[in-house]
Amino acid sequence: MSDGNKNNPPSADWWEQGDTDAVTQDRDEPREPRKYRVLLINDDYTTMEFVVMILMTVFHHSEQEAVEIMLKVHHEGAGLAGVYSFDVAETKVAKVHSLARQNQFPLRCTLEPE
């Protein structure tokens, strides 16, 4: 950024005054990626033990947290397994469905925007 005259550099107060010829752009502040809630849905066939195992292995909850979430699923029909970016949430839902199919359970898992 030169004014074309090497012997006459811009003064220090030039920065404070701003360059009136410069093009300014309004920039949006960077935003956090949208988060998604991953929910486990109750059914009449999947065992409580299997749901606890899913919560511990796929969602990395402690055994106590997993039992609390499983009981919420059992009593209220659904429970929050975690909140993640879309890609992570989608992967966890697919993993739950895959493990449920392998173990012949109809456990459903969904994701929804937070």
N, C-alpha and C. Protein backbone atom coordinates (compact mmCIF):
# COMPACT_ATOMS: atom_id res chain seq x y z
N MET A 1 0.85 -1.16 0.00
CA MET A 1 0.00 0.00 0.00
C MET A 1 0.90 1.22 0.00
N SER A 2 1.05 1.80 -1.12
CA SER A 2 1.97 2.92 -1.27
C SER A 2 1.25 4.06 -1.96
N ASP A 3 1.65 5.27 -1.58
CA ASP A 3 1.06 6.43 -2.25
C ASP A 3 1.87 6.83 -3.47
N GLY A 4 2.87 6.01 -3.80
CA GLY A 4 3.69 6.25 -4.99
C GLY A 4 4.89 7.14 -4.71
N ASN A 5 4.99 7.68 -3.53
CA ASN A 5 6.11 8.54 -3.18
C ASN A 5 6.85 7.89 -2.02
N LYS A 6 8.04 7.34 -2.31
CA LYS A 6 8.81 6.62 -1.31
C LYS A 6 9.38 7.57 -0.26
N ASN A 7 9.58 8.83 -0.60
CA ASN A 7 10.17 9.77 0.34
C ASN A 7 9.13 10.37 1.29
N ASN A 8 7.87 10.21 1.01
CA ASN A 8 6.82 10.80 1.81
C ASN A 8 5.83 9.72 2.27
N PRO A 9 6.17 8.90 3.28
CA PRO A 9 5.24 7.87 3.72
C PRO A 9 4.03 8.50 4.40
N PRO A 10 2.90 7.79 4.44
CA PRO A 10 1.71 8.33 5.09
C PRO A 10 1.97 8.59 6.57
N SER A 11 1.33 9.59 7.12
CA SER A 11 1.52 9.93 8.52
C SER A 11 0.85 8.87 9.40
N ALA A 12 1.26 8.85 10.66
CA ALA A 12 0.73 7.86 11.61
C ALA A 12 -0.75 8.07 11.84
N ASP A 13 -1.23 9.32 11.76
CA ASP A 13 -2.65 9.55 12.01
C ASP A 13 -3.53 9.14 10.84
N TRP A 14 -2.91 8.74 9.74
CA TRP A 14 -3.67 8.23 8.59
C TRP A 14 -4.52 7.03 9.00
N TRP A 15 -3.97 6.15 9.86
CA TRP A 15 -4.69 4.96 10.29
C TRP A 15 -5.91 5.32 11.13
N GLU A 16 -5.77 6.36 11.95
CA GLU A 16 -6.88 6.77 12.80
C GLU A 16 -7.98 7.43 11.98
N GLN A 17 -7.60 8.18 10.95
CA GLN A 17 -8.58 8.88 10.13
C GLN A 17 -9.30 7.94 9.18
N GLY A 18 -8.63 6.92 8.79
CA GLY A 18 -9.22 5.97 7.85
C GLY A 18 -8.99 6.44 6.42
N ASP A 19 -9.02 5.52 5.52
CA ASP A 19 -8.83 5.81 4.10
C ASP A 19 -10.21 5.95 3.48
N THR A 20 -10.58 7.14 3.10
CA THR A 20 -11.92 7.38 2.57
C THR A 20 -12.12 6.74 1.21
N ASP A 21 -11.03 6.39 0.52
CA ASP A 21 -11.16 5.76 -0.79
C ASP A 21 -11.30 4.23 -0.68
N ALA A 22 -11.03 3.69 0.50
CA ALA A 22 -11.08 2.24 0.66
C ALA A 22 -12.53 1.77 0.60
N VAL A 23 -12.69 0.62 0.00
CA VAL A 23 -14.01 0.01 -0.08
C VAL A 23 -14.23 -0.77 1.21
N THR A 24 -15.33 -0.49 1.87
CA THR A 24 -15.62 -1.23 3.09
C THR A 24 -16.72 -2.23 2.81
N GLN A 25 -16.64 -3.33 3.51
CA GLN A 25 -17.63 -4.38 3.36
C GLN A 25 -18.21 -4.70 4.72
N ASP A 26 -19.51 -4.86 4.75
CA ASP A 26 -20.14 -5.33 5.98
C ASP A 26 -19.95 -6.84 6.02
N ARG A 27 -19.33 -7.29 7.07
CA ARG A 27 -19.09 -8.73 7.21
C ARG A 27 -19.92 -9.24 8.37
N ASP A 28 -20.57 -10.32 8.13
CA ASP A 28 -21.30 -10.96 9.22
C ASP A 28 -20.30 -11.59 10.16
N GLU A 29 -20.61 -11.54 11.41
CA GLU A 29 -19.77 -12.22 12.39
C GLU A 29 -19.85 -13.71 12.14
N PRO A 30 -18.75 -14.42 12.33
CA PRO A 30 -18.81 -15.88 12.16
C PRO A 30 -19.80 -16.46 13.16
N ARG A 31 -20.57 -17.42 12.69
CA ARG A 31 -21.59 -18.04 13.54
C ARG A 31 -21.19 -19.47 13.86
N GLU A 32 -21.64 -19.90 15.02
CA GLU A 32 -21.46 -21.29 15.40
C GLU A 32 -22.28 -22.16 14.45
N PRO A 33 -21.78 -23.34 14.09
CA PRO A 33 -22.61 -24.21 13.26
C PRO A 33 -23.87 -24.61 14.02
N ARG A 34 -24.91 -24.83 13.29
CA ARG A 34 -26.18 -25.22 13.90
C ARG A 34 -26.01 -26.56 14.61
N LYS A 35 -26.63 -26.69 15.76
CA LYS A 35 -26.54 -27.92 16.54
C LYS A 35 -27.84 -28.72 16.40
N TYR A 36 -27.71 -30.03 16.59
CA TYR A 36 -28.84 -30.94 16.46
C TYR A 36 -28.95 -31.82 17.70
N ARG A 37 -30.17 -31.99 18.16
CA ARG A 37 -30.45 -32.84 19.31
C ARG A 37 -30.66 -34.27 18.80
N VAL A 38 -29.99 -35.21 19.43
CA VAL A 38 -30.17 -36.62 19.09
C VAL A 38 -31.05 -37.25 20.18
N LEU A 39 -32.18 -37.79 19.75
CA LEU A 39 -33.16 -38.34 20.68
C LEU A 39 -33.31 -39.84 20.49
N LEU A 40 -33.44 -40.55 21.59
CA LEU A 40 -33.79 -41.97 21.54
C LEU A 40 -35.29 -42.06 21.78
N ILE A 41 -35.95 -42.91 21.01
CA ILE A 41 -37.40 -43.05 21.06
C ILE A 41 -37.77 -44.39 21.70
N ASN A 42 -38.71 -44.35 22.62
CA ASN A 42 -39.14 -45.56 23.32
C ASN A 42 -39.88 -46.53 22.38
N ASP A 43 -39.72 -47.81 22.65
CA ASP A 43 -40.52 -48.84 21.98
C ASP A 43 -40.77 -49.94 23.01
N ASP A 44 -41.60 -50.89 22.66
CA ASP A 44 -41.98 -51.94 23.61
C ASP A 44 -41.07 -53.16 23.59
N TYR A 45 -40.02 -53.16 22.79
CA TYR A 45 -39.22 -54.37 22.61
C TYR A 45 -37.75 -54.22 22.99
N THR A 46 -37.18 -53.06 22.77
CA THR A 46 -35.76 -52.87 23.08
C THR A 46 -35.57 -52.90 24.59
N THR A 47 -34.59 -53.68 25.03
CA THR A 47 -34.37 -53.81 26.48
C THR A 47 -33.73 -52.56 27.06
N MET A 48 -33.98 -52.34 28.32
CA MET A 48 -33.38 -51.21 29.02
C MET A 48 -31.86 -51.34 29.04
N GLU A 49 -31.38 -52.56 29.19
CA GLU A 49 -29.94 -52.79 29.22
C GLU A 49 -29.29 -52.39 27.90
N PHE A 50 -29.95 -52.70 26.79
CA PHE A 50 -29.41 -52.34 25.48
C PHE A 50 -29.36 -50.81 25.33
N VAL A 51 -30.39 -50.12 25.77
CA VAL A 51 -30.41 -48.66 25.66
C VAL A 51 -29.28 -48.06 26.50
N VAL A 52 -29.08 -48.58 27.70
CA VAL A 52 -27.98 -48.10 28.54
C VAL A 52 -26.64 -48.34 27.84
N MET A 53 -26.47 -49.52 27.26
CA MET A 53 -25.23 -49.83 26.54
C MET A 53 -25.01 -48.85 25.38
N ILE A 54 -26.06 -48.54 24.64
CA ILE A 54 -25.97 -47.57 23.52
C ILE A 54 -25.54 -46.21 24.05
N LEU A 55 -26.17 -45.77 25.13
CA LEU A 55 -25.85 -44.45 25.69
C LEU A 55 -24.41 -44.38 26.19
N MET A 56 -23.90 -45.49 26.68
CA MET A 56 -22.52 -45.50 27.18
C MET A 56 -21.51 -45.62 26.05
N THR A 57 -21.79 -46.45 25.05
CA THR A 57 -20.78 -46.69 24.00
C THR A 57 -20.84 -45.68 22.86
N VAL A 58 -22.03 -45.33 22.41
CA VAL A 58 -22.15 -44.41 21.27
C VAL A 58 -22.07 -42.95 21.72
N PHE A 59 -22.69 -42.66 22.89
CA PHE A 59 -22.78 -41.27 23.34
C PHE A 59 -21.83 -40.94 24.49
N HIS A 60 -21.11 -41.94 24.96
CA HIS A 60 -20.06 -41.77 25.98
C HIS A 60 -20.58 -41.18 27.30
N HIS A 61 -21.78 -41.61 27.70
CA HIS A 61 -22.30 -41.21 29.01
C HIS A 61 -21.80 -42.18 30.06
N SER A 62 -21.73 -41.70 31.30
CA SER A 62 -21.40 -42.60 32.41
C SER A 62 -22.59 -43.55 32.61
N GLU A 63 -22.37 -44.61 33.36
CA GLU A 63 -23.46 -45.56 33.59
C GLU A 63 -24.64 -44.87 34.29
N GLN A 64 -24.36 -44.02 35.26
CA GLN A 64 -25.43 -43.32 35.97
C GLN A 64 -26.21 -42.41 35.03
N GLU A 65 -25.52 -41.64 34.20
CA GLU A 65 -26.20 -40.77 33.23
C GLU A 65 -27.02 -41.59 32.25
N ALA A 66 -26.45 -42.70 31.79
CA ALA A 66 -27.14 -43.56 30.82
C ALA A 66 -28.42 -44.12 31.41
N VAL A 67 -28.39 -44.54 32.67
CA VAL A 67 -29.59 -45.08 33.32
C VAL A 67 -30.64 -43.99 33.44
N GLU A 68 -30.23 -42.78 33.82
CA GLU A 68 -31.18 -41.66 33.94
C GLU A 68 -31.84 -41.34 32.61
N ILE A 69 -31.06 -41.30 31.54
CA ILE A 69 -31.61 -41.02 30.21
C ILE A 69 -32.54 -42.15 29.77
N MET A 70 -32.10 -43.40 30.00
CA MET A 70 -32.93 -44.55 29.63
C MET A 70 -34.28 -44.50 30.34
N LEU A 71 -34.30 -44.13 31.61
CA LEU A 71 -35.55 -44.05 32.35
C LEU A 71 -36.44 -42.92 31.80
N LYS A 72 -35.83 -41.84 31.38
CA LYS A 72 -36.60 -40.76 30.74
C LYS A 72 -37.23 -41.26 29.44
N VAL A 73 -36.45 -42.00 28.64
CA VAL A 73 -36.98 -42.58 27.40
C VAL A 73 -38.15 -43.51 27.74
N HIS A 74 -37.96 -44.35 28.73
CA HIS A 74 -38.97 -45.34 29.12
C HIS A 74 -40.25 -44.68 29.62
N HIS A 75 -40.13 -43.65 30.45
CA HIS A 75 -41.31 -43.04 31.07
C HIS A 75 -41.94 -41.92 30.24
N GLU A 76 -41.13 -41.21 29.46
CA GLU A 76 -41.65 -40.05 28.74
C GLU A 76 -41.74 -40.26 27.23
N GLY A 77 -41.21 -41.38 26.73
CA GLY A 77 -41.32 -41.69 25.30
C GLY A 77 -40.13 -41.30 24.47
N ALA A 78 -39.29 -40.40 24.99
CA ALA A 78 -38.08 -39.99 24.28
C ALA A 78 -37.11 -39.39 25.29
N GLY A 79 -35.84 -39.43 24.94
CA GLY A 79 -34.82 -38.86 25.81
C GLY A 79 -33.67 -38.31 25.00
N LEU A 80 -33.09 -37.25 25.49
CA LEU A 80 -31.97 -36.58 24.81
C LEU A 80 -30.67 -37.34 25.06
N ALA A 81 -30.09 -37.84 23.98
CA ALA A 81 -28.82 -38.55 24.09
C ALA A 81 -27.64 -37.58 24.00
N GLY A 82 -27.82 -36.47 23.26
CA GLY A 82 -26.75 -35.48 23.14
C GLY A 82 -27.07 -34.44 22.10
N VAL A 83 -26.23 -33.41 22.04
CA VAL A 83 -26.38 -32.32 21.08
C VAL A 83 -25.06 -32.19 20.32
N TYR A 84 -25.14 -32.21 18.98
CA TYR A 84 -23.94 -32.28 18.15
C TYR A 84 -24.12 -31.46 16.87
N SER A 85 -23.02 -31.27 16.16
CA SER A 85 -23.12 -30.71 14.82
C SER A 85 -23.86 -31.72 13.94
N PHE A 86 -24.34 -31.28 12.79
CA PHE A 86 -25.16 -32.16 11.95
C PHE A 86 -24.43 -33.45 11.59
N ASP A 87 -23.19 -33.34 11.13
CA ASP A 87 -22.45 -34.54 10.70
C ASP A 87 -22.27 -35.55 11.83
N VAL A 88 -21.92 -35.05 13.01
CA VAL A 88 -21.73 -35.95 14.15
C VAL A 88 -23.07 -36.56 14.56
N ALA A 89 -24.12 -35.75 14.62
CA ALA A 89 -25.45 -36.26 14.99
C ALA A 89 -25.91 -37.33 14.01
N GLU A 90 -25.75 -37.07 12.72
CA GLU A 90 -26.16 -38.02 11.69
C GLU A 90 -25.40 -39.34 11.82
N THR A 91 -24.12 -39.27 12.11
CA THR A 91 -23.30 -40.47 12.28
C THR A 91 -23.75 -41.26 13.51
N LYS A 92 -24.05 -40.58 14.59
CA LYS A 92 -24.49 -41.27 15.80
C LYS A 92 -25.85 -41.94 15.59
N VAL A 93 -26.75 -41.28 14.90
CA VAL A 93 -28.06 -41.88 14.60
C VAL A 93 -27.86 -43.16 13.77
N ALA A 94 -27.02 -43.09 12.76
CA ALA A 94 -26.76 -44.26 11.91
C ALA A 94 -26.13 -45.39 12.74
N LYS A 95 -25.23 -45.06 13.65
CA LYS A 95 -24.57 -46.08 14.49
C LYS A 95 -25.60 -46.76 15.40
N VAL A 96 -26.49 -45.97 15.99
CA VAL A 96 -27.55 -46.54 16.85
C VAL A 96 -28.42 -47.50 16.05
N HIS A 97 -28.86 -47.07 14.87
CA HIS A 97 -29.71 -47.92 14.04
C HIS A 97 -28.99 -49.20 13.63
N SER A 98 -27.72 -49.08 13.29
CA SER A 98 -26.94 -50.25 12.89
C SER A 98 -26.81 -51.25 14.05
N LEU A 99 -26.45 -50.75 15.24
CA LEU A 99 -26.32 -51.64 16.40
C LEU A 99 -27.66 -52.26 16.78
N ALA A 100 -28.72 -51.49 16.68
CA ALA A 100 -30.05 -52.02 17.00
C ALA A 100 -30.42 -53.14 16.04
N ARG A 101 -30.18 -52.95 14.75
CA ARG A 101 -30.49 -54.00 13.76
C ARG A 101 -29.66 -55.25 14.01
N GLN A 102 -28.37 -55.04 14.30
CA GLN A 102 -27.49 -56.19 14.55
C GLN A 102 -27.97 -57.01 15.74
N ASN A 103 -28.59 -56.34 16.70
CA ASN A 103 -29.07 -57.01 17.91
C ASN A 103 -30.56 -57.28 17.89
N GLN A 104 -31.17 -57.09 16.72
CA GLN A 104 -32.58 -57.37 16.46
C GLN A 104 -33.53 -56.60 17.38
N PHE A 105 -33.21 -55.31 17.56
CA PHE A 105 -34.08 -54.41 18.31
C PHE A 105 -34.60 -53.33 17.38
N PRO A 106 -35.84 -52.86 17.62
CA PRO A 106 -36.40 -51.80 16.77
C PRO A 106 -36.11 -50.38 17.29
N LEU A 107 -35.08 -50.22 18.11
CA LEU A 107 -34.77 -48.91 18.70
C LEU A 107 -34.62 -47.86 17.61
N ARG A 108 -35.32 -46.74 17.81
CA ARG A 108 -35.23 -45.63 16.86
C ARG A 108 -34.51 -44.47 17.52
N CYS A 109 -33.82 -43.73 16.68
CA CYS A 109 -33.06 -42.58 17.12
C CYS A 109 -33.28 -41.50 16.06
N THR A 110 -33.54 -40.29 16.49
CA THR A 110 -33.79 -39.21 15.54
C THR A 110 -32.91 -38.01 15.87
N LEU A 111 -32.83 -37.10 14.91
CA LEU A 111 -32.15 -35.83 15.20
C LEU A 111 -33.08 -34.71 14.79
N GLU A 112 -32.97 -33.61 15.53
CA GLU A 112 -33.78 -32.43 15.24
C GLU A 112 -32.95 -31.18 15.53
N PRO A 113 -33.21 -30.10 14.81
CA PRO A 113 -32.46 -28.87 15.06
C PRO A 113 -32.71 -28.40 16.49
N GLU A 114 -31.68 -27.84 17.07
CA GLU A 114 -31.81 -27.34 18.44
C GLU A 114 -32.55 -26.03 18.48
